[in-house]
Protein backbone atom coordinates (compact mmCIF):
# COMPACT_ATOMS: atom_id res chain seq x y z
CA UNK A 1 52.69 31.55 164.93
CA UNK A 2 54.32 28.21 165.62
CA UNK A 3 52.35 25.11 164.62
CA UNK A 4 50.63 23.12 167.36
CA UNK A 5 50.20 19.35 167.20
CA UNK A 6 48.07 17.46 169.71
CA UNK A 7 48.54 13.69 169.85
CA UNK A 8 45.38 12.11 171.23
CA UNK A 9 43.39 8.94 171.62
CA UNK A 10 39.69 8.56 170.93
CA UNK A 11 38.37 8.31 174.49
CA UNK A 12 40.62 10.65 176.46
CA UNK A 13 39.03 13.34 178.64
CA UNK A 14 42.31 15.24 178.95
CA UNK A 15 42.65 15.30 175.17
CA UNK A 16 39.17 16.81 174.92
CA UNK A 17 40.07 19.44 177.54
CA UNK A 18 43.29 20.35 175.74
CA UNK A 19 41.51 20.78 172.40
CA UNK A 20 38.79 22.83 174.08
CA UNK A 21 41.37 25.16 175.68
CA UNK A 22 43.14 25.65 172.35
CA UNK A 23 39.81 26.29 170.61
CA UNK A 24 38.84 28.90 173.25
CA UNK A 25 42.17 30.67 172.72
CA UNK A 26 41.78 30.59 168.93
CA UNK A 27 44.86 28.42 168.49
CA UNK A 28 44.76 26.27 165.36
CA UNK A 29 46.19 22.78 165.82
CA UNK A 30 46.65 19.51 164.05
CA UNK A 31 45.22 16.50 165.86
CA UNK A 32 46.90 13.13 165.40
CA UNK A 33 44.92 10.23 166.82
CA UNK A 34 47.21 7.52 168.20
CA UNK A 35 44.44 5.02 168.98
CA UNK A 36 45.41 2.74 166.11
CA UNK A 37 49.05 3.70 165.61
CA UNK A 38 50.95 1.83 168.31
CA UNK A 39 54.32 2.33 166.60
CA UNK A 40 53.98 6.12 166.47
CA UNK A 41 52.79 6.18 170.07
CA UNK A 42 55.85 4.18 171.15
CA UNK A 43 58.22 6.46 169.20
CA UNK A 44 56.65 9.56 170.74
CA UNK A 45 56.82 7.99 174.17
CA UNK A 46 60.52 7.28 173.74
CA UNK A 47 61.12 10.80 172.38
CA UNK A 48 59.19 12.64 175.10
CA UNK A 49 59.41 10.31 178.07
CA UNK A 50 55.61 10.56 178.31
CA UNK A 51 53.38 7.51 178.38
CA UNK A 52 50.04 9.32 178.45
CA UNK A 53 48.08 11.52 176.07
CA UNK A 54 47.62 14.19 175.11
CA UNK A 55 51.15 14.89 174.00
CA UNK A 56 51.20 18.52 172.93
CA UNK A 57 53.88 20.03 170.73
CA UNK A 58 54.40 23.70 169.95
CA UNK A 59 56.72 23.73 167.00
CA UNK A 60 59.26 20.98 167.71
CA UNK A 61 59.00 21.35 171.50
CA UNK A 62 56.88 18.97 173.56
CA UNK A 63 55.23 21.07 176.25
CA UNK A 64 53.62 18.07 177.98
CA UNK A 65 49.97 17.21 178.48
CA UNK A 66 46.78 19.03 179.38
CA UNK A 67 47.89 20.08 182.88
CA UNK A 68 51.07 21.58 181.42
CA UNK A 69 49.11 23.39 178.70
CA UNK A 70 46.64 24.79 181.24
CA UNK A 71 49.49 25.98 183.49
CA UNK A 72 51.21 27.72 180.57
CA UNK A 73 47.92 29.40 179.71
CA UNK A 74 47.32 30.57 183.32
CA UNK A 75 50.85 31.94 183.55
CA UNK A 76 50.59 33.80 180.23
CA UNK A 77 53.41 31.72 178.76
CA UNK A 78 51.29 30.01 176.10
CA UNK A 79 51.08 33.14 173.96
CA UNK A 80 54.86 33.62 174.18
CA UNK A 81 55.58 30.02 173.19
CA UNK A 82 53.20 30.32 170.27
CA UNK A 83 55.02 33.41 169.11
CA UNK A 84 51.90 35.55 169.47
CA UNK A 85 53.02 37.65 172.45
CA UNK A 86 54.56 41.02 171.80
């Protein structure tokens, strides 16, 4: 399975929702809190074009934020992107 990284901030309801969805699906992830790392947040923003969190990566691919993650899950694409679908 491809690694999942979720870039978050401390008080972000969408970050909480994203982590909850991943937990419900049994998807392990690494959480990186950007609350005190302005430089990393700026680099990620430049790399992804996103200014908000969560920023969710599956492998090296940024899939977007919570709404994007939820849509992938509803469409059955999340499992495929993770490499878990047969």
